[in-house]
PDB file of N, CA and C in Angstrom:
ATOM      1  N   UNK A   1      65.838 -20.453 155.940  1.00  0.00           N
ATOM      2  CA  UNK A   1      64.883 -20.649 154.852  1.00  0.00           C
ATOM      3  C   UNK A   1      65.276 -19.764 153.669  1.00  0.00           C
ATOM      4  N   UNK A   2      65.260 -20.333 152.500  1.00  0.00           N
ATOM      5  CA  UNK A   2      65.624 -19.625 151.274  1.00  0.00           C
ATOM      6  C   UNK A   2      64.354 -19.103 150.619  1.00  0.00           C
ATOM      7  N   UNK A   3      64.348 -17.813 150.293  1.00  0.00           N
ATOM      8  CA  UNK A   3      63.176 -17.210 149.651  1.00  0.00           C
ATOM      9  C   UNK A   3      63.388 -17.099 148.145  1.00  0.00           C
ATOM     10  N   UNK A   4      62.311 -16.813 147.449  1.00  0.00           N
ATOM     11  CA  UNK A   4      62.368 -16.639 145.994  1.00  0.00           C
ATOM     12  C   UNK A   4      63.281 -15.462 145.660  1.00  0.00           C
ATOM     13  N   UNK A   5      63.195 -14.391 146.448  1.00  0.00           N
ATOM     14  CA  UNK A   5      64.036 -13.217 146.206  1.00  0.00           C
ATOM     15  C   UNK A   5      65.516 -13.551 146.354  1.00  0.00           C
ATOM     16  N   UNK A   6      65.839 -14.388 147.324  1.00  0.00           N
ATOM     17  CA  UNK A   6      67.235 -14.789 147.517  1.00  0.00           C
ATOM     18  C   UNK A   6      67.736 -15.608 146.336  1.00  0.00           C
ATOM     19  N   UNK A   7      66.898 -16.499 145.837  1.00  0.00           N
ATOM     20  CA  UNK A   7      67.279 -17.316 144.675  1.00  0.00           C
ATOM     21  C   UNK A   7      67.453 -16.420 143.454  1.00  0.00           C
ATOM     22  N   UNK A   8      66.527 -15.468 143.269  1.00  0.00           N
ATOM     23  CA  UNK A   8      66.616 -14.546 142.134  1.00  0.00           C
ATOM     24  C   UNK A   8      67.902 -13.732 142.203  1.00  0.00           C
ATOM     25  N   UNK A   9      68.262 -13.272 143.390  1.00  0.00           N
ATOM     26  CA  UNK A   9      69.488 -12.501 143.559  1.00  0.00           C
ATOM     27  C   UNK A   9      70.719 -13.370 143.276  1.00  0.00           C
ATOM     28  N   UNK A  10      70.678 -14.609 143.722  1.00  0.00           N
ATOM     29  CA  UNK A  10      71.812 -15.514 143.526  1.00  0.00           C
ATOM     30  C   UNK A  10      72.057 -15.806 142.046  1.00  0.00           C
ATOM     31  N   UNK A  11      70.976 -15.965 141.282  1.00  0.00           N
ATOM     32  CA  UNK A  11      71.099 -16.311 139.865  1.00  0.00           C
ATOM     33  C   UNK A  11      70.881 -15.122 138.937  1.00  0.00           C
ATOM     34  N   UNK A  12      70.981 -13.911 139.451  1.00  0.00           N
ATOM     35  CA  UNK A  12      70.709 -12.709 138.655  1.00  0.00           C
ATOM     36  C   UNK A  12      71.558 -12.647 137.390  1.00  0.00           C
ATOM     37  N   UNK A  13      72.847 -12.785 137.515  1.00  0.00           N
ATOM     38  CA  UNK A  13      73.735 -12.685 136.352  1.00  0.00           C
ATOM     39  C   UNK A  13      73.479 -13.818 135.361  1.00  0.00           C
ATOM     40  N   UNK A  14      73.227 -15.011 135.872  1.00  0.00           N
ATOM     41  CA  UNK A  14      72.990 -16.163 135.003  1.00  0.00           C
ATOM     42  C   UNK A  14      71.725 -15.981 134.180  1.00  0.00           C
ATOM     43  N   UNK A  15      70.670 -15.523 134.829  1.00  0.00           N
ATOM     44  CA  UNK A  15      69.397 -15.354 134.118  1.00  0.00           C
ATOM     45  C   UNK A  15      69.475 -14.178 133.153  1.00  0.00           C
ATOM     46  N   UNK A  16      70.233 -13.128 133.499  1.00  0.00           N
ATOM     47  CA  UNK A  16      70.419 -12.012 132.565  1.00  0.00           C
ATOM     48  C   UNK A  16      71.154 -12.473 131.309  1.00  0.00           C
ATOM     49  N   UNK A  17      72.151 -13.338 131.502  1.00  0.00           N
ATOM     50  CA  UNK A  17      72.913 -13.846 130.363  1.00  0.00           C
ATOM     51  C   UNK A  17      72.115 -14.836 129.524  1.00  0.00           C
ATOM     52  N   UNK A  18      71.191 -15.547 130.163  1.00  0.00           N
ATOM     53  CA  UNK A  18      70.388 -16.564 129.489  1.00  0.00           C
ATOM     54  C   UNK A  18      68.914 -16.351 129.820  1.00  0.00           C
ATOM     55  N   UNK A  19      68.284 -15.304 129.238  1.00  0.00           N
ATOM     56  CA  UNK A  19      66.900 -14.991 129.605  1.00  0.00           C
ATOM     57  C   UNK A  19      65.888 -16.063 129.197  1.00  0.00           C
ATOM     58  N   UNK A  20      66.256 -16.947 128.281  1.00  0.00           N
ATOM     59  CA  UNK A  20      65.327 -18.008 127.856  1.00  0.00           C
ATOM     60  C   UNK A  20      65.607 -19.328 128.558  1.00  0.00           C
ATOM     61  N   UNK A  21      66.291 -19.246 129.686  1.00  0.00           N
ATOM     62  CA  UNK A  21      66.617 -20.450 130.448  1.00  0.00           C
ATOM     63  C   UNK A  21      65.325 -21.155 130.865  1.00  0.00           C
ATOM     64  N   UNK A  22      65.312 -22.447 130.723  1.00  0.00           N
ATOM     65  CA  UNK A  22      64.141 -23.258 131.068  1.00  0.00           C
ATOM     66  C   UNK A  22      63.960 -23.297 132.583  1.00  0.00           C
ATOM     67  N   UNK A  23      62.716 -23.454 132.994  1.00  0.00           N
ATOM     68  CA  UNK A  23      62.404 -23.527 134.420  1.00  0.00           C
ATOM     69  C   UNK A  23      63.073 -24.729 135.074  1.00  0.00           C
ATOM     70  N   UNK A  24      63.122 -25.839 134.364  1.00  0.00           N
ATOM     71  CA  UNK A  24      63.784 -27.038 134.901  1.00  0.00           C
ATOM     72  C   UNK A  24      65.279 -26.795 135.123  1.00  0.00           C
ATOM     73  N   UNK A  25      65.887 -25.967 134.269  1.00  0.00           N
ATOM     74  CA  UNK A  25      67.303 -25.648 134.425  1.00  0.00           C
ATOM     75  C   UNK A  25      67.520 -24.798 135.676  1.00  0.00           C
ATOM     76  N   UNK A  26      66.637 -23.844 135.935  1.00  0.00           N
ATOM     77  CA  UNK A  26      66.720 -23.049 137.163  1.00  0.00           C
ATOM     78  C   UNK A  26      66.579 -23.964 138.369  1.00  0.00           C
ATOM     79  N   UNK A  27      65.635 -24.868 138.271  1.00  0.00           N
ATOM     80  CA  UNK A  27      65.392 -25.827 139.354  1.00  0.00           C
ATOM     81  C   UNK A  27      66.643 -26.689 139.588  1.00  0.00           C
ATOM     82  N   UNK A  28      67.256 -27.165 138.516  1.00  0.00           N
ATOM     83  CA  UNK A  28      68.455 -28.002 138.624  1.00  0.00           C
ATOM     84  C   UNK A  28      69.623 -27.227 139.235  1.00  0.00           C
ATOM     85  N   UNK A  29      69.790 -25.973 138.814  1.00  0.00           N
ATOM     86  CA  UNK A  29      70.892 -25.157 139.336  1.00  0.00           C
ATOM     87  C   UNK A  29      70.696 -24.819 140.812  1.00  0.00           C
ATOM     88  N   UNK A  30      69.460 -24.676 141.238  1.00  0.00           N
ATOM     89  CA  UNK A  30      69.198 -24.437 142.665  1.00  0.00           C
ATOM     90  C   UNK A  30      69.673 -25.619 143.496  1.00  0.00           C
ATOM     91  N   UNK A  31      69.433 -26.807 142.984  1.00  0.00           N
ATOM     92  CA  UNK A  31      69.866 -28.001 143.704  1.00  0.00           C
ATOM     93  C   UNK A  31      71.388 -28.101 143.712  1.00  0.00           C
ATOM     94  N   UNK A  32      72.016 -27.880 142.549  1.00  0.00           N
ATOM     95  CA  UNK A  32      73.473 -28.069 142.470  1.00  0.00           C
ATOM     96  C   UNK A  32      74.268 -26.930 143.115  1.00  0.00           C
ATOM     97  N   UNK A  33      73.814 -25.695 142.999  1.00  0.00           N
ATOM     98  CA  UNK A  33      74.585 -24.556 143.505  1.00  0.00           C
ATOM     99  C   UNK A  33      74.217 -24.166 144.931  1.00  0.00           C
ATOM    100  N   UNK A  34      72.909 -24.214 145.237  1.00  0.00           N
ATOM    101  CA  UNK A  34      72.461 -23.739 146.549  1.00  0.00           C
ATOM    102  C   UNK A  34      72.051 -24.876 147.483  1.00  0.00           C
ATOM    103  N   UNK A  35      72.006 -26.090 146.954  1.00  0.00           N
ATOM    104  CA  UNK A  35      71.601 -27.266 147.731  1.00  0.00           C
ATOM    105  C   UNK A  35      70.189 -27.096 148.304  1.00  0.00           C
ATOM    106  N   UNK A  36      69.311 -26.554 147.442  1.00  0.00           N
ATOM    107  CA  UNK A  36      67.921 -26.317 147.820  1.00  0.00           C
ATOM    108  C   UNK A  36      67.027 -26.898 146.735  1.00  0.00           C
ATOM    109  N   UNK A  37      66.031 -27.649 147.134  1.00  0.00           N
ATOM    110  CA  UNK A  37      65.062 -28.184 146.186  1.00  0.00           C
ATOM    111  C   UNK A  37      63.906 -27.201 146.077  1.00  0.00           C
ATOM    112  N   UNK A  38      63.607 -26.790 144.852  1.00  0.00           N
ATOM    113  CA  UNK A  38      62.516 -25.835 144.628  1.00  0.00           C
ATOM    114  C   UNK A  38      61.523 -26.431 143.640  1.00  0.00           C
ATOM    115  N   UNK A  39      60.318 -25.906 143.653  1.00  0.00           N
ATOM    116  CA  UNK A  39      59.280 -26.361 142.738  1.00  0.00           C
ATOM    117  C   UNK A  39      59.392 -25.595 141.422  1.00  0.00           C
ATOM    118  N   UNK A  40      58.691 -26.079 140.435  1.00  0.00           N
ATOM    119  CA  UNK A  40      58.634 -25.378 139.147  1.00  0.00           C
ATOM    120  C   UNK A  40      57.982 -24.013 139.335  1.00  0.00           C
ATOM    121  N   UNK A  41      56.990 -23.936 140.208  1.00  0.00           N
ATOM    122  CA  UNK A  41      56.326 -22.668 140.483  1.00  0.00           C
ATOM    123  C   UNK A  41      57.317 -21.653 141.056  1.00  0.00           C
ATOM    124  N   UNK A  42      58.183 -22.098 141.926  1.00  0.00           N
ATOM    125  CA  UNK A  42      59.211 -21.224 142.501  1.00  0.00           C
ATOM    126  C   UNK A  42      60.177 -20.755 141.402  1.00  0.00           C
ATOM    127  N   UNK A  43      60.558 -21.656 140.524  1.00  0.00           N
ATOM    128  CA  UNK A  43      61.434 -21.296 139.401  1.00  0.00           C
ATOM    129  C   UNK A  43      60.770 -20.258 138.511  1.00  0.00           C
ATOM    130  N   UNK A  44      59.470 -20.421 138.306  1.00  0.00           N
ATOM    131  CA  UNK A  44      58.701 -19.466 137.495  1.00  0.00           C
ATOM    132  C   UNK A  44      58.727 -18.081 138.149  1.00  0.00           C
ATOM    133  N   UNK A  45      58.532 -18.023 139.455  1.00  0.00           N
ATOM    134  CA  UNK A  45      58.540 -16.742 140.162  1.00  0.00           C
ATOM    135  C   UNK A  45      59.921 -16.094 140.123  1.00  0.00           C
ATOM    136  N   UNK A  46      60.972 -16.892 140.233  1.00  0.00           N
ATOM    137  CA  UNK A  46      62.343 -16.372 140.140  1.00  0.00           C
ATOM    138  C   UNK A  46      62.548 -15.726 138.773  1.00  0.00           C
ATOM    139  N   UNK A  47      62.151 -16.420 137.739  1.00  0.00           N
ATOM    140  CA  UNK A  47      62.326 -15.906 136.379  1.00  0.00           C
ATOM    141  C   UNK A  47      61.479 -14.644 136.157  1.00  0.00           C
ATOM    142  N   UNK A  48      60.287 -14.637 136.718  1.00  0.00           N
ATOM    143  CA  UNK A  48      59.402 -13.479 136.582  1.00  0.00           C
ATOM    144  C   UNK A  48      60.007 -12.262 137.275  1.00  0.00           C
ATOM    145  N   UNK A  49      60.551 -12.443 138.467  1.00  0.00           N
ATOM    146  CA  UNK A  49      61.197 -11.350 139.194  1.00  0.00           C
ATOM    147  C   UNK A  49      62.338 -10.771 138.365  1.00  0.00           C
ATOM    148  N   UNK A  50      63.135 -11.634 137.776  1.00  0.00           N
ATOM    149  CA  UNK A  50      64.274 -11.167 136.995  1.00  0.00           C
ATOM    150  C   UNK A  50      63.836 -10.447 135.719  1.00  0.00           C
ATOM    151  N   UNK A  51      62.799 -10.930 135.060  1.00  0.00           N
ATOM    152  CA  UNK A  51      62.303 -10.254 133.855  1.00  0.00           C
ATOM    153  C   UNK A  51      61.793  -8.865 134.187  1.00  0.00           C
ATOM    154  N   UNK A  52      61.067  -8.738 135.302  1.00  0.00           N
ATOM    155  CA  UNK A  52      60.560  -7.431 135.712  1.00  0.00           C
ATOM    156  C   UNK A  52      61.696  -6.483 136.056  1.00  0.00           C
ATOM    157  N   UNK A  53      62.724  -6.994 136.721  1.00  0.00           N
ATOM    158  CA  UNK A  53      63.873  -6.167 137.074  1.00  0.00           C
ATOM    159  C   UNK A  53      64.615  -5.702 135.824  1.00  0.00           C
ATOM    160  N   UNK A  54      64.783  -6.591 134.859  1.00  0.00           N
ATOM    161  CA  UNK A  54      65.464  -6.219 133.617  1.00  0.00           C
ATOM    162  C   UNK A  54      64.647  -5.184 132.847  1.00  0.00           C
ATOM    163  N   UNK A  55      63.320  -5.328 132.848  1.00  0.00           N
ATOM    164  CA  UNK A  55      62.467  -4.365 132.156  1.00  0.00           C
ATOM    165  C   UNK A  55      62.599  -2.982 132.796  1.00  0.00           C
ATOM    166  N   UNK A  56      62.655  -2.922 134.123  1.00  0.00           N
ATOM    167  CA  UNK A  56      62.844  -1.636 134.812  1.00  0.00           C
ATOM    168  C   UNK A  56      64.189  -1.032 134.444  1.00  0.00           C
ATOM    169  N   UNK A  57      65.227  -1.858 134.391  1.00  0.00           N
ATOM    170  CA  UNK A  57      66.561  -1.358 134.044  1.00  0.00           C
ATOM    171  C   UNK A  57      66.583  -0.798 132.630  1.00  0.00           C
ATOM    172  N   UNK A  58      65.924  -1.473 131.694  1.00  0.00           N
ATOM    173  CA  UNK A  58      65.890  -0.995 130.315  1.00  0.00           C
ATOM    174  C   UNK A  58      65.172   0.340 130.226  1.00  0.00           C
ATOM    175  N   UNK A  59      64.077   0.498 130.962  1.00  0.00           N
ATOM    176  CA  UNK A  59      63.341   1.762 130.944  1.00  0.00           C
ATOM    177  C   UNK A  59      64.201   2.895 131.489  1.00  0.00           C
ATOM    178  N   UNK A  60      64.922   2.633 132.577  1.00  0.00           N
ATOM    179  CA  UNK A  60      65.788   3.654 133.162  1.00  0.00           C
ATOM    180  C   UNK A  60      66.914   4.034 132.205  1.00  0.00           C
ATOM    181  N   UNK A  61      67.536   3.043 131.577  1.00  0.00           N
ATOM    182  CA  UNK A  61      68.627   3.311 130.652  1.00  0.00           C
ATOM    183  C   UNK A  61      68.127   4.039 129.406  1.00  0.00           C
ATOM    184  N   UNK A  62      66.926   3.708 128.949  1.00  0.00           N
ATOM    185  CA  UNK A  62      66.338   4.387 127.796  1.00  0.00           C
ATOM    186  C   UNK A  62      66.120   5.855 128.132  1.00  0.00           C
ATOM    187  N   UNK A  63      65.653   6.127 129.349  1.00  0.00           N
ATOM    188  CA  UNK A  63      65.475   7.510 129.787  1.00  0.00           C
ATOM    189  C   UNK A  63      66.792   8.256 129.853  1.00  0.00           C
ATOM    190  N   UNK A  64      67.849   7.575 130.251  1.00  0.00           N
ATOM    191  CA  UNK A  64      69.165   8.203 130.296  1.00  0.00           C
ATOM    192  C   UNK A  64      69.656   8.577 128.900  1.00  0.00           C
ATOM    193  N   UNK A  65      69.333   7.760 127.903  1.00  0.00           N
ATOM    194  CA  UNK A  65      69.722   8.090 126.524  1.00  0.00           C
ATOM    195  C   UNK A  65      69.056   9.382 126.063  1.00  0.00           C
ATOM    196  N   UNK A  66      67.792   9.536 126.403  1.00  0.00           N
ATOM    197  CA  UNK A  66      67.079  10.776 126.044  1.00  0.00           C
ATOM    198  C   UNK A  66      67.709  11.975 126.740  1.00  0.00           C
ATOM    199  N   UNK A  67      68.044  11.820 128.017  1.00  0.00           N
ATOM    200  CA  UNK A  67      68.684  12.910 128.761  1.00  0.00           C
ATOM    201  C   UNK A  67      70.048  13.254 128.163  1.00  0.00           C
ATOM    202  N   UNK A  68      70.797  12.237 127.781  1.00  0.00           N
ATOM    203  CA  UNK A  68      72.106  12.449 127.174  1.00  0.00           C
ATOM    204  C   UNK A  68      71.965  13.222 125.864  1.00  0.00           C
ATOM    205  N   UNK A  69      71.012  12.848 125.033  1.00  0.00           N
ATOM    206  CA  UNK A  69      70.783  13.550 123.766  1.00  0.00           C
ATOM    207  C   UNK A  69      70.407  15.010 124.026  1.00  0.00           C
ATOM    208  N   UNK A  70      69.561  15.255 125.020  1.00  0.00           N
ATOM    209  CA  UNK A  70      69.161  16.624 125.352  1.00  0.00           C
ATOM    210  C   UNK A  70      70.367  17.448 125.807  1.00  0.00           C
ATOM    211  N   UNK A  71      71.224  16.879 126.647  1.00  0.00           N
ATOM    212  CA  UNK A  71      72.425  17.581 127.117  1.00  0.00           C
ATOM    213  C   UNK A  71      73.368  17.885 125.957  1.00  0.00           C
ATOM    214  N   UNK A  72      73.541  16.943 125.056  1.00  0.00           N
ATOM    215  CA  UNK A  72      74.412  17.188 123.899  1.00  0.00           C
ATOM    216  C   UNK A  72      73.863  18.319 123.041  1.00  0.00           C
ATOM    217  N   UNK A  73      72.558  18.307 122.818  1.00  0.00           N
ATOM    218  CA  UNK A  73      71.952  19.360 121.987  1.00  0.00           C
ATOM    219  C   UNK A  73      72.118  20.740 122.628  1.00  0.00           C
ATOM    220  N   UNK A  74      71.953  20.813 123.941  1.00  0.00           N
ATOM    221  CA  UNK A  74      72.020  22.113 124.596  1.00  0.00           C
ATOM    222  C   UNK A  74      73.462  22.594 124.781  1.00  0.00           C
ATOM    223  N   UNK A  75      74.420  21.707 124.975  1.00  0.00           N
ATOM    224  CA  UNK A  75      75.802  22.113 125.236  1.00  0.00           C
ATOM    225  C   UNK A  75      76.695  22.145 124.005  1.00  0.00           C
ATOM    226  N   UNK A  76      76.278  21.510 122.923  1.00  0.00           N
ATOM    227  CA  UNK A  76      77.100  21.471 121.717  1.00  0.00           C
ATOM    228  C   UNK A  76      76.242  21.835 120.501  1.00  0.00           C
ATOM    229  N   UNK A  77      75.920  23.111 120.360  1.00  0.00           N
ATOM    230  CA  UNK A  77      75.085  23.507 119.219  1.00  0.00           C
ATOM    231  C   UNK A  77      75.782  23.193 117.895  1.00  0.00           C
ATOM    232  N   UNK A  78      74.999  22.819 116.928  1.00  0.00           N
ATOM    233  CA  UNK A  78      75.538  22.463 115.623  1.00  0.00           C
ATOM    234  C   UNK A  78      75.805  20.979 115.469  1.00  0.00           C
ATOM    235  N   UNK A  79      75.830  20.248 116.570  1.00  0.00           N
ATOM    236  CA  UNK A  79      76.033  18.799 116.512  1.00  0.00           C
ATOM    237  C   UNK A  79      74.727  18.122 116.113  1.00  0.00           C
ATOM    238  N   UNK A  80      74.849  16.981 115.477  1.00  0.00           N
ATOM    239  CA  UNK A  80      73.681  16.212 115.062  1.00  0.00           C
ATOM    240  C   UNK A  80      73.522  15.024 115.992  1.00  0.00           C
ATOM    241  N   UNK A  81      72.344  14.929 116.593  1.00  0.00           N
ATOM    242  CA  UNK A  81      72.037  13.816 117.483  1.00  0.00           C
ATOM    243  C   UNK A  81      70.690  13.255 117.060  1.00  0.00           C
ATOM    244  N   UNK A  82      70.687  11.997 116.682  1.00  0.00           N
ATOM    245  CA  UNK A  82      69.443  11.352 116.258  1.00  0.00           C
ATOM    246  C   UNK A  82      69.275  10.054 117.023  1.00  0.00           C
ATOM    247  N   UNK A  83      68.095   9.869 117.556  1.00  0.00           N
ATOM    248  CA  UNK A  83      67.763   8.625 118.233  1.00  0.00           C
ATOM    249  C   UNK A  83      66.510   8.073 117.570  1.00  0.00           C
ATOM    250  N   UNK A  84      66.607   6.859 117.074  1.00  0.00           N
ATOM    251  CA  UNK A  84      65.490   6.226 116.386  1.00  0.00           C
ATOM    252  C   UNK A  84      64.897   5.166 117.302  1.00  0.00           C
ATOM    253  N   UNK A  85      63.584   5.243 117.477  1.00  0.00           N
ATOM    254  CA  UNK A  85      62.864   4.246 118.262  1.00  0.00           C
ATOM    255  C   UNK A  85      61.778   3.649 117.374  1.00  0.00           C
ATOM    256  N   UNK A  86      61.313   2.501 117.763  1.00  0.00           N
ATOM    257  CA  UNK A  86      60.292   1.796 116.987  1.00  0.00           C
ATOM    258  C   UNK A  86      59.192   1.366 117.936  1.00  0.00           C
ATOM    259  N   UNK A  87      57.960   1.532 117.506  1.00  0.00           N
ATOM    260  CA  UNK A  87      56.814   1.090 118.299  1.00  0.00           C
ATOM    261  C   UNK A  87      56.112  -0.039 117.550  1.00  0.00           C
ATOM    262  N   UNK A  88      55.776  -1.098 118.276  1.00  0.00           N
ATOM    263  CA  UNK A  88      55.080  -2.227 117.668  1.00  0.00           C
ATOM    264  C   UNK A  88      53.656  -1.810 117.331  1.00  0.00           C
ATOM    265  N   UNK A  89      52.993  -1.163 118.283  1.00  0.00           N
ATOM    266  CA  UNK A  89      51.660  -0.591 118.060  1.00  0.00           C
ATOM    267  C   UNK A  89      51.702   0.862 118.512  1.00  0.00           C
ATOM    268  N   UNK A  90      50.662   1.588 118.228  1.00  0.00           N
ATOM    269  CA  UNK A  90      50.609   2.998 118.583  1.00  0.00           C
ATOM    270  C   UNK A  90      50.692   3.190 120.098  1.00  0.00           C
ATOM    271  N   UNK A  91      50.069   2.288 120.851  1.00  0.00           N
ATOM    272  CA  UNK A  91      50.012   2.420 122.308  1.00  0.00           C
ATOM    273  C   UNK A  91      51.193   1.777 123.037  1.00  0.00           C
ATOM    274  N   UNK A  92      52.034   1.040 122.332  1.00  0.00           N
ATOM    275  CA  UNK A  92      53.128   0.325 123.009  1.00  0.00           C
ATOM    276  C   UNK A  92      54.279   1.271 123.349  1.00  0.00           C
ATOM    277  N   UNK A  93      55.120   0.829 124.261  1.00  0.00           N
ATOM    278  CA  UNK A  93      56.306   1.589 124.633  1.00  0.00           C
ATOM    279  C   UNK A  93      57.314   1.558 123.493  1.00  0.00           C
ATOM    280  N   UNK A  94      58.107   2.626 123.344  1.00  0.00           N
ATOM    281  CA  UNK A  94      59.096   2.630 122.264  1.00  0.00           C
ATOM    282  C   UNK A  94      60.233   1.656 122.542  1.00  0.00           C
ATOM    283  N   UNK A  95      60.726   1.048 121.474  1.00  0.00           N
ATOM    284  CA  UNK A  95      61.874   0.150 121.546  1.00  0.00           C
ATOM    285  C   UNK A  95      63.049   0.852 120.874  1.00  0.00           C
ATOM    286  N   UNK A  96      64.168   0.887 121.554  1.00  0.00           N
ATOM    287  CA  UNK A  96      65.364   1.535 121.029  1.00  0.00           C
ATOM    288  C   UNK A  96      65.842   0.815 119.779  1.00  0.00           C
ATOM    289  N   UNK A  97      66.144   1.586 118.739  1.00  0.00           N
ATOM    290  CA  UNK A  97      66.635   0.992 117.501  1.00  0.00           C
ATOM    291  C   UNK A  97      68.087   1.409 117.224  1.00  0.00           C
ATOM    292  N   UNK A  98      68.353   2.718 117.188  1.00  0.00           N
ATOM    293  CA  UNK A  98      69.733   3.162 116.960  1.00  0.00           C
ATOM    294  C   UNK A  98      69.911   4.602 117.451  1.00  0.00           C
ATOM    295  N   UNK A  99      71.191   4.973 117.590  1.00  0.00           N
ATOM    296  CA  UNK A  99      71.586   6.274 118.131  1.00  0.00           C
ATOM    297  C   UNK A  99      72.715   6.798 117.271  1.00  0.00           C
ATOM    298  N   UNK A 100      72.602   8.023 116.785  1.00  0.00           N
ATOM    299  CA  UNK A 100      73.625   8.605 115.913  1.00  0.00           C
ATOM    300  C   UNK A 100      74.065   9.943 116.496  1.00  0.00           C
ATOM    301  N   UNK A 101      75.374  10.147 116.587  1.00  0.00           N
ATOM    302  CA  UNK A 101      75.921  11.412 117.066  1.00  0.00           C
ATOM    303  C   UNK A 101      77.050  11.828 116.138  1.00  0.00           C
ATOM    304  N   UNK A 102      76.981  13.079 115.660  1.00  0.00           N
ATOM    305  CA  UNK A 102      78.075  13.672 114.891  1.00  0.00           C
ATOM    306  C   UNK A 102      78.331  15.053 115.502  1.00  0.00           C
ATOM    307  N   UNK A 103      79.479  15.196 116.142  1.00  0.00           N
ATOM    308  CA  UNK A 103      79.799  16.439 116.811  1.00  0.00           C
ATOM    309  C   UNK A 103      80.141  17.534 115.798  1.00  0.00           C
ATOM    310  N   UNK A 104      79.816  18.760 116.146  1.00  0.00           N
ATOM    311  CA  UNK A 104      80.038  19.895 115.263  1.00  0.00           C
ATOM    312  C   UNK A 104      81.522  20.027 114.900  1.00  0.00           C
ATOM    313  N   UNK A 105      82.403  19.764 115.836  1.00  0.00           N
ATOM    314  CA  UNK A 105      83.841  19.850 115.569  1.00  0.00           C
ATOM    315  C   UNK A 105      84.266  18.868 114.474  1.00  0.00           C
ATOM    316  N   UNK A 106      83.645  17.707 114.445  1.00  0.00           N
ATOM    317  CA  UNK A 106      83.972  16.733 113.391  1.00  0.00           C
ATOM    318  C   UNK A 106      83.419  17.184 112.041  1.00  0.00           C
ATOM    319  N   UNK A 107      82.270  17.852 112.052  1.00  0.00           N
ATOM    320  CA  UNK A 107      81.706  18.356 110.797  1.00  0.00           C
ATOM    321  C   UNK A 107      82.598  19.397 110.181  1.00  0.00           C
ATOM    322  N   UNK A 108      83.174  20.254 111.038  1.00  0.00           N
ATOM    323  CA  UNK A 108      84.020  21.341 110.537  1.00  0.00           C
ATOM    324  C   UNK A 108      85.390  20.843 110.097  1.00  0.00           C
ATOM    325  N   UNK A 109      85.810  19.727 110.654  1.00  0.00           N
ATOM    326  CA  UNK A 109      87.107  19.150 110.265  1.00  0.00           C
ATOM    327  C   UNK A 109      88.195  19.546 111.110  1.00  0.00           C
TER     328      UNK A 109
END
């Protein structure tokens, strides 16, 4: 028996590359690639699982950027490190916009 998690794992790279893939397309690919007929509801759950997984990955990577900036500041004094984030509303999570690094050695020439 094929589970939703198995289908999500099988199509992980495809859905990451095409996050706006239609549910009917997921359904069609399940039939052609896995030889399994799934419902639209199952396709919806597969897509939902992948969106949640991608959101977790983005949060983890965003946290790593902050840690990287902190390490650069503490280990390379005089360097300029700027990270710009944007919030849609005051209560929303920050969205990464840009990252700037200029090492002190480059400033001195």
